[in-house]
Amino acid sequence: MSRVIFWGSVLLALAFLIVPLVLVLPLAFNEGSFLTYPMDGFSLKWFAEIFTHGQWTRAFWNSLRIAFGAMIAGVLIGGLAATGVMLTGRALQIVLTGLFVSPLVVPSIVVGVAFAYAFGRMGLSGSYWGLVLAHAILGAPLVFLSVMTSLRGLDPDLDLAAASLGASRSHRFWHVTLPLAAPGFLAGALFAFTTSFDEVVVALFLASPESTTLPVALFAGLRDRLQPTIVVVALLLSLISFALLWLMWWLQSLGRPQKH
């Protein structure tokens, strides 16, 4: 009976997540200009419009540039923070971990208002660097948790053995710790990239017309006019997300011990 309840719950959860996508995403191939069933025919013209219309291509490249910048900054902030926290005592680790992951529990609307106020006074509102910094702060806790998990799985005797041979702390980090914890750093980098690429609430407060990201453009399209181009963008974002999830799974599998 418990097995039936388990699989029934799993199937219901999958249906809840997948059925809306199955119903909406086919409309990206609709011949007509409206999101209605039955479809008027099969066409790829909305895909062509996405790749030729300046609004969507500009927003896509803005999202890509900002996500790469936020990923690099997030890995530096979260990775170095996790490495430093691992060197502290148990009690201090708990306190510092709570501080570093606090952006995850603060509502996005509150974070967006705070960034808009602070960056407006600093002259960063609407700029590329302002969005990169904001998204890096949102992605750094995920990098921190990923790297912390990877570091906790390492054998501490390896670092002690390197220290007994006279290796300095920086040498041990670059030649012992970092290679072994590389899957955690790479998975954290993908988390930071995905967080930035899909983020919309904070970007609504900070983005200017020149720095509009793809999720903000998608939100504006939902508000102004419902067309199949919106579903095309949603379909492409879903494919990118699935690809990144598969890549995260592959990177995490590299960090697992192999069974012989």
C-alpha atoms as a PDB file:
ATOM      1  CA  MET A   1       0.000   0.000   0.000  1.00  0.00           C
ATOM      2  CA  SER A   2       2.822   2.385   0.842  1.00  0.00           C
ATOM      3  CA  ARG A   3       4.359   1.788  -2.605  1.00  0.00           C
ATOM      4  CA  VAL A   4       1.038   2.690  -4.260  1.00  0.00           C
ATOM      5  CA  ILE A   5       0.812   5.901  -2.235  1.00  0.00           C
ATOM      6  CA  PHE A   6       4.415   6.783  -3.091  1.00  0.00           C
ATOM      7  CA  TRP A   7       4.068   6.297  -6.849  1.00  0.00           C
ATOM      8  CA  GLY A   8       0.657   7.936  -6.861  1.00  0.00           C
ATOM      9  CA  SER A   9       2.115  11.024  -5.192  1.00  0.00           C
ATOM     10  CA  VAL A  10       5.025  11.076  -7.645  1.00  0.00           C
ATOM     11  CA  LEU A  11       2.715  10.825 -10.657  1.00  0.00           C
ATOM     12  CA  LEU A  12       0.420  13.552  -9.335  1.00  0.00           C
ATOM     13  CA  ALA A  13       3.393  15.852  -8.731  1.00  0.00           C
ATOM     14  CA  LEU A  14       4.757  15.204 -12.228  1.00  0.00           C
ATOM     15  CA  ALA A  15       1.332  15.814 -13.760  1.00  0.00           C
ATOM     16  CA  PHE A  16       1.016  19.072 -11.827  1.00  0.00           C
ATOM     17  CA  LEU A  17       4.367  20.241 -13.209  1.00  0.00           C
ATOM     18  CA  ILE A  18       4.245  18.858 -16.746  1.00  0.00           C
ATOM     19  CA  VAL A  19       0.589  19.168 -17.868  1.00  0.00           C
ATOM     20  CA  PRO A  20       0.639  23.022 -18.035  1.00  0.00           C
ATOM     21  CA  LEU A  21       3.760  22.866 -20.229  1.00  0.00           C
ATOM     22  CA  VAL A  22       2.207  20.219 -22.486  1.00  0.00           C
ATOM     23  CA  LEU A  23      -0.885  22.391 -22.944  1.00  0.00           C
ATOM     24  CA  VAL A  24       0.873  25.717 -23.540  1.00  0.00           C
ATOM     25  CA  LEU A  25       4.148  24.992 -25.358  1.00  0.00           C
ATOM     26  CA  PRO A  26       2.552  23.594 -28.582  1.00  0.00           C
ATOM     27  CA  LEU A  27       1.067  27.066 -29.142  1.00  0.00           C
ATOM     28  CA  ALA A  28       4.575  28.218 -30.103  1.00  0.00           C
ATOM     29  CA  PHE A  29       3.935  26.477 -33.448  1.00  0.00           C
ATOM     30  CA  ASN A  30       0.502  28.040 -34.004  1.00  0.00           C
ATOM     31  CA  GLU A  31      -0.128  29.632 -37.385  1.00  0.00           C
ATOM     32  CA  GLY A  32      -2.464  32.228 -35.905  1.00  0.00           C
ATOM     33  CA  SER A  33      -1.612  35.308 -33.876  1.00  0.00           C
ATOM     34  CA  PHE A  34      -3.476  34.342 -30.711  1.00  0.00           C
ATOM     35  CA  LEU A  35      -3.001  31.768 -27.981  1.00  0.00           C
ATOM     36  CA  THR A  36      -6.096  29.705 -28.684  1.00  0.00           C
ATOM     37  CA  TYR A  37      -7.128  26.125 -29.312  1.00  0.00           C
ATOM     38  CA  PRO A  38      -7.796  24.646 -31.807  1.00  0.00           C
ATOM     39  CA  MET A  39      -4.613  25.825 -33.543  1.00  0.00           C
ATOM     40  CA  ASP A  40      -4.953  27.511 -36.938  1.00  0.00           C
ATOM     41  CA  GLY A  41      -2.093  25.449 -38.365  1.00  0.00           C
ATOM     42  CA  PHE A  42       1.546  24.572 -37.938  1.00  0.00           C
ATOM     43  CA  SER A  43       4.172  27.274 -38.501  1.00  0.00           C
ATOM     44  CA  LEU A  44       7.693  28.245 -37.466  1.00  0.00           C
ATOM     45  CA  LYS A  45       7.228  31.938 -38.248  1.00  0.00           C
ATOM     46  CA  TRP A  46       7.182  32.924 -34.588  1.00  0.00           C
ATOM     47  CA  PHE A  47      10.605  31.350 -34.102  1.00  0.00           C
ATOM     48  CA  ALA A  48      11.879  33.399 -37.037  1.00  0.00           C
ATOM     49  CA  GLU A  49      10.413  36.545 -35.486  1.00  0.00           C
ATOM     50  CA  ILE A  50      12.164  35.864 -32.192  1.00  0.00           C
ATOM     51  CA  PHE A  51      15.564  35.548 -33.875  1.00  0.00           C
ATOM     52  CA  THR A  52      15.082  38.551 -36.163  1.00  0.00           C
ATOM     53  CA  HIS A  53      13.264  41.007 -33.901  1.00  0.00           C
ATOM     54  CA  GLY A  54      15.652  43.423 -32.213  1.00  0.00           C
ATOM     55  CA  GLN A  55      13.762  43.503 -28.912  1.00  0.00           C
ATOM     56  CA  TRP A  56      14.149  39.776 -28.226  1.00  0.00           C
ATOM     57  CA  THR A  57      17.699  39.358 -29.512  1.00  0.00           C
ATOM     58  CA  ARG A  58      18.901  42.377 -27.536  1.00  0.00           C
ATOM     59  CA  ALA A  59      17.219  41.084 -24.377  1.00  0.00           C
ATOM     60  CA  PHE A  60      18.742  37.621 -24.917  1.00  0.00           C
ATOM     61  CA  TRP A  61      22.289  38.972 -25.267  1.00  0.00           C
ATOM     62  CA  ASN A  62      21.778  41.224 -22.246  1.00  0.00           C
ATOM     63  CA  SER A  63      20.684  38.207 -20.177  1.00  0.00           C
ATOM     64  CA  LEU A  64      23.638  36.174 -21.428  1.00  0.00           C
ATOM     65  CA  ARG A  65      26.205  38.884 -20.649  1.00  0.00           C
ATOM     66  CA  ILE A  66      24.755  39.595 -17.228  1.00  0.00           C
ATOM     67  CA  ALA A  67      24.486  35.884 -16.369  1.00  0.00           C
ATOM     68  CA  PHE A  68      28.126  35.234 -17.273  1.00  0.00           C
ATOM     69  CA  GLY A  69      29.287  38.221 -15.234  1.00  0.00           C
ATOM     70  CA  ALA A  70      27.109  37.228 -12.273  1.00  0.00           C
ATOM     71  CA  MET A  71      28.373  33.640 -12.520  1.00  0.00           C
ATOM     72  CA  ILE A  72      32.025  34.702 -12.324  1.00  0.00           C
ATOM     73  CA  ALA A  73      31.390  37.114  -9.450  1.00  0.00           C
ATOM     74  CA  GLY A  74      29.155  34.614  -7.640  1.00  0.00           C
ATOM     75  CA  VAL A  75      31.765  31.851  -7.862  1.00  0.00           C
ATOM     76  CA  LEU A  76      34.463  34.168  -6.517  1.00  0.00           C
ATOM     77  CA  ILE A  77      32.282  35.388  -3.643  1.00  0.00           C
ATOM     78  CA  GLY A  78      30.551  32.119  -2.730  1.00  0.00           C
ATOM     79  CA  GLY A  79      33.507  29.818  -3.412  1.00  0.00           C
ATOM     80  CA  LEU A  80      36.025  31.814  -1.415  1.00  0.00           C
ATOM     81  CA  ALA A  81      33.489  32.319   1.381  1.00  0.00           C
ATOM     82  CA  ALA A  82      32.822  28.567   1.611  1.00  0.00           C
ATOM     83  CA  THR A  83      36.547  27.810   1.648  1.00  0.00           C
ATOM     84  CA  GLY A  84      37.116  30.322   4.440  1.00  0.00           C
ATOM     85  CA  VAL A  85      34.142  29.175   6.504  1.00  0.00           C
ATOM     86  CA  MET A  86      35.408  25.590   6.397  1.00  0.00           C
ATOM     87  CA  LEU A  87      38.531  26.740   8.251  1.00  0.00           C
ATOM     88  CA  THR A  88      36.524  28.083  11.212  1.00  0.00           C
ATOM     89  CA  GLY A  89      35.099  26.297  14.225  1.00  0.00           C
ATOM     90  CA  ARG A  90      31.794  24.428  14.200  1.00  0.00           C
ATOM     91  CA  ALA A  91      29.804  27.114  16.031  1.00  0.00           C
ATOM     92  CA  LEU A  92      31.149  29.934  13.869  1.00  0.00           C
ATOM     93  CA  GLN A  93      30.425  27.880  10.746  1.00  0.00           C
ATOM     94  CA  ILE A  94      26.738  27.740  11.667  1.00  0.00           C
ATOM     95  CA  VAL A  95      26.561  31.526  12.196  1.00  0.00           C
ATOM     96  CA  LEU A  96      28.473  32.412   9.021  1.00  0.00           C
ATOM     97  CA  THR A  97      26.503  29.925   6.922  1.00  0.00           C
ATOM     98  CA  GLY A  98      23.262  31.506   8.096  1.00  0.00           C
ATOM     99  CA  LEU A  99      24.561  34.946   7.108  1.00  0.00           C
ATOM    100  CA  PHE A 100      25.757  33.857   3.666  1.00  0.00           C
ATOM    101  CA  VAL A 101      22.524  32.063   2.736  1.00  0.00           C
ATOM    102  CA  SER A 102      20.264  34.844   4.073  1.00  0.00           C
ATOM    103  CA  PRO A 103      19.581  36.280   0.562  1.00  0.00           C
ATOM    104  CA  LEU A 104      17.744  33.034  -0.196  1.00  0.00           C
ATOM    105  CA  VAL A 105      15.154  33.559   2.557  1.00  0.00           C
ATOM    106  CA  VAL A 106      14.543  37.293   2.070  1.00  0.00           C
ATOM    107  CA  PRO A 107      11.562  37.944  -0.270  1.00  0.00           C
ATOM    108  CA  SER A 108      12.667  38.969  -3.766  1.00  0.00           C
ATOM    109  CA  ILE A 109      10.515  42.083  -3.703  1.00  0.00           C
ATOM    110  CA  VAL A 110      12.311  43.301  -0.573  1.00  0.00           C
ATOM    111  CA  VAL A 111      15.701  42.601  -2.135  1.00  0.00           C
ATOM    112  CA  GLY A 112      14.656  44.407  -5.306  1.00  0.00           C
ATOM    113  CA  VAL A 113      13.556  47.518  -3.427  1.00  0.00           C
ATOM    114  CA  ALA A 114      16.791  47.518  -1.402  1.00  0.00           C
ATOM    115  CA  PHE A 115      18.920  47.208  -4.548  1.00  0.00           C
ATOM    116  CA  ALA A 116      16.947  49.925  -6.326  1.00  0.00           C
ATOM    117  CA  TYR A 117      17.433  52.346  -3.436  1.00  0.00           C
ATOM    118  CA  ALA A 118      21.112  51.544  -2.822  1.00  0.00           C
ATOM    119  CA  PHE A 119      22.174  51.338  -6.460  1.00  0.00           C
ATOM    120  CA  GLY A 120      20.216  54.475  -7.326  1.00  0.00           C
ATOM    121  CA  ARG A 121      22.290  56.463  -4.841  1.00  0.00           C
ATOM    122  CA  MET A 122      25.484  54.851  -6.150  1.00  0.00           C
ATOM    123  CA  GLY A 123      24.679  55.514  -9.800  1.00  0.00           C
ATOM    124  CA  LEU A 124      24.502  51.798 -10.661  1.00  0.00           C
ATOM    125  CA  SER A 125      20.764  51.511 -11.272  1.00  0.00           C
ATOM    126  CA  GLY A 126      20.039  50.462 -14.850  1.00  0.00           C
ATOM    127  CA  SER A 127      23.683  49.698 -15.601  1.00  0.00           C
ATOM    128  CA  TYR A 128      25.274  46.408 -16.598  1.00  0.00           C
ATOM    129  CA  TRP A 129      27.485  46.288 -13.507  1.00  0.00           C
ATOM    130  CA  GLY A 130      24.546  46.997 -11.224  1.00  0.00           C
ATOM    131  CA  LEU A 131      22.624  43.991 -12.574  1.00  0.00           C
ATOM    132  CA  VAL A 132      25.732  41.806 -12.444  1.00  0.00           C
ATOM    133  CA  LEU A 133      26.368  42.727  -8.811  1.00  0.00           C
ATOM    134  CA  ALA A 134      22.729  42.197  -7.805  1.00  0.00           C
ATOM    135  CA  HIS A 135      22.503  38.825  -9.535  1.00  0.00           C
ATOM    136  CA  ALA A 136      25.876  37.780  -8.109  1.00  0.00           C
ATOM    137  CA  ILE A 137      24.602  38.471  -4.601  1.00  0.00           C
ATOM    138  CA  LEU A 138      21.548  36.312  -5.332  1.00  0.00           C
ATOM    139  CA  GLY A 139      23.624  33.485  -6.840  1.00  0.00           C
ATOM    140  CA  ALA A 140      26.528  33.494  -4.379  1.00  0.00           C
ATOM    141  CA  PRO A 141      24.579  31.628  -1.618  1.00  0.00           C
ATOM    142  CA  LEU A 142      23.900  28.762  -4.041  1.00  0.00           C
ATOM    143  CA  VAL A 143      27.587  28.623  -4.940  1.00  0.00           C
ATOM    144  CA  PHE A 144      28.408  28.745  -1.231  1.00  0.00           C
ATOM    145  CA  LEU A 145      26.157  25.769  -0.425  1.00  0.00           C
ATOM    146  CA  SER A 146      27.399  23.753  -3.409  1.00  0.00           C
ATOM    147  CA  VAL A 147      31.055  24.304  -2.549  1.00  0.00           C
ATOM    148  CA  MET A 148      30.471  23.679   1.163  1.00  0.00           C
ATOM    149  CA  THR A 149      28.841  20.337   0.350  1.00  0.00           C
ATOM    150  CA  SER A 150      31.762  19.408  -1.889  1.00  0.00           C
ATOM    151  CA  LEU A 151      34.375  20.434   0.672  1.00  0.00           C
ATOM    152  CA  ARG A 152      32.693  18.485   3.465  1.00  0.00           C
ATOM    153  CA  GLY A 153      32.967  15.352   1.359  1.00  0.00           C
ATOM    154  CA  LEU A 154      36.754  15.616   1.075  1.00  0.00           C
ATOM    155  CA  ASP A 155      39.106  13.565   3.171  1.00  0.00           C
ATOM    156  CA  PRO A 156      40.832  16.002   5.593  1.00  0.00           C
ATOM    157  CA  ASP A 157      43.857  13.711   5.751  1.00  0.00           C
ATOM    158  CA  LEU A 158      44.776  14.774   2.204  1.00  0.00           C
ATOM    159  CA  ASP A 159      45.205  18.386   3.274  1.00  0.00           C
ATOM    160  CA  LEU A 160      47.101  17.322   6.401  1.00  0.00           C
ATOM    161  CA  ALA A 161      49.396  15.130   4.310  1.00  0.00           C
ATOM    162  CA  ALA A 162      50.188  18.038   2.001  1.00  0.00           C
ATOM    163  CA  ALA A 163      50.821  20.297   5.019  1.00  0.00           C
ATOM    164  CA  SER A 164      53.173  17.715   6.550  1.00  0.00           C
ATOM    165  CA  LEU A 165      55.219  17.821   3.351  1.00  0.00           C
ATOM    166  CA  GLY A 166      55.694  21.566   3.719  1.00  0.00           C
ATOM    167  CA  ALA A 167      53.014  22.846   1.317  1.00  0.00           C
ATOM    168  CA  SER A 168      51.679  26.306   2.144  1.00  0.00           C
ATOM    169  CA  ARG A 169      47.964  26.953   2.597  1.00  0.00           C
ATOM    170  CA  SER A 170      47.624  28.601  -0.818  1.00  0.00           C
ATOM    171  CA  HIS A 171      49.562  25.768  -2.479  1.00  0.00           C
ATOM    172  CA  ARG A 172      47.317  23.168  -0.799  1.00  0.00           C
ATOM    173  CA  PHE A 173      44.207  25.029  -1.965  1.00  0.00           C
ATOM    174  CA  TRP A 174      45.271  25.280  -5.624  1.00  0.00           C
ATOM    175  CA  HIS A 175      46.794  21.804  -5.950  1.00  0.00           C
ATOM    176  CA  VAL A 176      44.803  19.656  -3.509  1.00  0.00           C
ATOM    177  CA  THR A 177      41.498  21.208  -2.444  1.00  0.00           C
ATOM    178  CA  LEU A 178      40.428  22.934  -5.675  1.00  0.00           C
ATOM    179  CA  PRO A 179      40.940  19.958  -8.030  1.00  0.00           C
ATOM    180  CA  LEU A 180      39.006  17.656  -5.678  1.00  0.00           C
ATOM    181  CA  ALA A 181      36.203  20.182  -5.093  1.00  0.00           C
ATOM    182  CA  ALA A 182      36.009  21.252  -8.765  1.00  0.00           C
ATOM    183  CA  PRO A 183      32.603  19.564  -9.364  1.00  0.00           C
ATOM    184  CA  GLY A 184      31.136  21.605  -6.508  1.00  0.00           C
ATOM    185  CA  PHE A 185      32.556  24.830  -7.938  1.00  0.00           C
ATOM    186  CA  LEU A 186      31.272  23.993 -11.426  1.00  0.00           C
ATOM    187  CA  ALA A 187      27.811  23.038 -10.164  1.00  0.00           C
ATOM    188  CA  GLY A 188      27.697  26.263  -8.144  1.00  0.00           C
ATOM    189  CA  ALA A 189      28.692  28.228 -11.254  1.00  0.00           C
ATOM    190  CA  LEU A 190      25.775  26.714 -13.153  1.00  0.00           C
ATOM    191  CA  PHE A 191      23.420  27.496 -10.262  1.00  0.00           C
ATOM    192  CA  ALA A 192      24.582  31.116 -10.316  1.00  0.00           C
ATOM    193  CA  PHE A 193      24.234  31.332 -14.110  1.00  0.00           C
ATOM    194  CA  THR A 194      20.710  29.862 -14.062  1.00  0.00           C
ATOM    195  CA  THR A 195      19.631  32.099 -11.193  1.00  0.00           C
ATOM    196  CA  SER A 196      20.771  35.196 -13.065  1.00  0.00           C
ATOM    197  CA  PHE A 197      19.412  34.117 -16.452  1.00  0.00           C
ATOM    198  CA  ASP A 198      15.901  33.398 -15.046  1.00  0.00           C
ATOM    199  CA  GLU A 199      15.707  36.227 -12.486  1.00  0.00           C
ATOM    200  CA  VAL A 200      12.919  38.748 -13.099  1.00  0.00           C
ATOM    201  CA  VAL A 201      11.850  40.473  -9.854  1.00  0.00           C
ATOM    202  CA  VAL A 202      15.119  42.253  -9.039  1.00  0.00           C
ATOM    203  CA  ALA A 203      15.727  42.974 -12.740  1.00  0.00           C
ATOM    204  CA  LEU A 204      12.370  44.768 -12.927  1.00  0.00           C
ATOM    205  CA  PHE A 205      13.667  47.268 -10.355  1.00  0.00           C
ATOM    206  CA  LEU A 206      17.133  47.711 -11.865  1.00  0.00           C
ATOM    207  CA  ALA A 207      16.911  47.199 -15.640  1.00  0.00           C
ATOM    208  CA  SER A 208      16.784  50.157 -18.011  1.00  0.00           C
ATOM    209  CA  PRO A 209      15.448  49.991 -21.607  1.00  0.00           C
ATOM    210  CA  GLU A 210      19.016  49.357 -22.794  1.00  0.00           C
ATOM    211  CA  SER A 211      19.719  46.629 -20.214  1.00  0.00           C
ATOM    212  CA  THR A 212      16.371  44.806 -20.358  1.00  0.00           C
ATOM    213  CA  THR A 213      16.845  41.086 -19.793  1.00  0.00           C
ATOM    214  CA  LEU A 214      14.910  38.272 -21.454  1.00  0.00           C
ATOM    215  CA  PRO A 215      12.675  37.472 -18.425  1.00  0.00           C
ATOM    216  CA  VAL A 216      11.792  41.185 -18.122  1.00  0.00           C
ATOM    217  CA  ALA A 217      10.955  41.341 -21.838  1.00  0.00           C
ATOM    218  CA  LEU A 218       8.848  38.203 -21.417  1.00  0.00           C
ATOM    219  CA  PHE A 219       7.019  39.742 -18.457  1.00  0.00           C
ATOM    220  CA  ALA A 220       6.351  42.910 -20.492  1.00  0.00           C
ATOM    221  CA  GLY A 221       4.990  40.805 -23.355  1.00  0.00           C
ATOM    222  CA  LEU A 222       2.611  39.002 -21.001  1.00  0.00           C
ATOM    223  CA  ARG A 223       1.375  42.339 -19.717  1.00  0.00           C
ATOM    224  CA  ASP A 224       0.986  44.132 -23.054  1.00  0.00           C
ATOM    225  CA  ARG A 225      -0.047  41.577 -25.674  1.00  0.00           C
ATOM    226  CA  LEU A 226      -0.351  37.805 -25.690  1.00  0.00           C
ATOM    227  CA  GLN A 227       1.265  36.394 -28.816  1.00  0.00           C
ATOM    228  CA  PRO A 228       2.883  33.038 -29.697  1.00  0.00           C
ATOM    229  CA  THR A 229       6.278  34.763 -29.514  1.00  0.00           C
ATOM    230  CA  ILE A 230       5.919  34.681 -25.734  1.00  0.00           C
ATOM    231  CA  VAL A 231       5.402  30.914 -25.810  1.00  0.00           C
ATOM    232  CA  VAL A 232       8.423  30.547 -28.117  1.00  0.00           C
ATOM    233  CA  VAL A 233      10.596  32.386 -25.592  1.00  0.00           C
ATOM    234  CA  ALA A 234       9.179  30.246 -22.777  1.00  0.00           C
ATOM    235  CA  LEU A 235       9.921  27.100 -24.810  1.00  0.00           C
ATOM    236  CA  LEU A 236      13.513  28.163 -25.479  1.00  0.00           C
ATOM    237  CA  LEU A 237      14.029  29.056 -21.802  1.00  0.00           C
ATOM    238  CA  SER A 238      12.648  25.648 -20.799  1.00  0.00           C
ATOM    239  CA  LEU A 239      15.057  23.874 -23.152  1.00  0.00           C
ATOM    240  CA  ILE A 240      17.979  25.888 -21.773  1.00  0.00           C
ATOM    241  CA  SER A 241      16.909  25.071 -18.213  1.00  0.00           C
ATOM    242  CA  PHE A 242      16.650  21.343 -18.991  1.00  0.00           C
ATOM    243  CA  ALA A 243      20.118  21.413 -20.578  1.00  0.00           C
ATOM    244  CA  LEU A 244      21.588  23.162 -17.533  1.00  0.00           C
ATOM    245  CA  LEU A 245      19.883  20.724 -15.159  1.00  0.00           C
ATOM    246  CA  TRP A 246      21.358  17.796 -17.068  1.00  0.00           C
ATOM    247  CA  LEU A 247      24.770  19.464 -16.969  1.00  0.00           C
ATOM    248  CA  MET A 248      24.442  19.996 -13.199  1.00  0.00           C
ATOM    249  CA  TRP A 249      23.540  16.339 -12.726  1.00  0.00           C
ATOM    250  CA  TRP A 250      26.547  15.283 -14.796  1.00  0.00           C
ATOM    251  CA  LEU A 251      28.915  17.543 -12.848  1.00  0.00           C
ATOM    252  CA  GLN A 252      27.575  16.296  -9.522  1.00  0.00           C
ATOM    253  CA  SER A 253      28.026  12.692 -10.689  1.00  0.00           C
ATOM    254  CA  LEU A 254      31.707  13.450 -11.274  1.00  0.00           C
ATOM    255  CA  GLY A 255      32.080  14.328  -7.613  1.00  0.00           C
ATOM    256  CA  ARG A 256      30.569  11.065  -6.375  1.00  0.00           C
ATOM    257  CA  PRO A 257      32.947   8.234  -5.506  1.00  0.00           C
ATOM    258  CA  GLN A 258      33.040   5.525  -8.139  1.00  0.00           C
ATOM    259  CA  LYS A 259      31.942   2.029  -7.122  1.00  0.00           C
ATOM    260  CA  HIS A 260      34.251  -0.834  -8.020  1.00  0.00           C
END
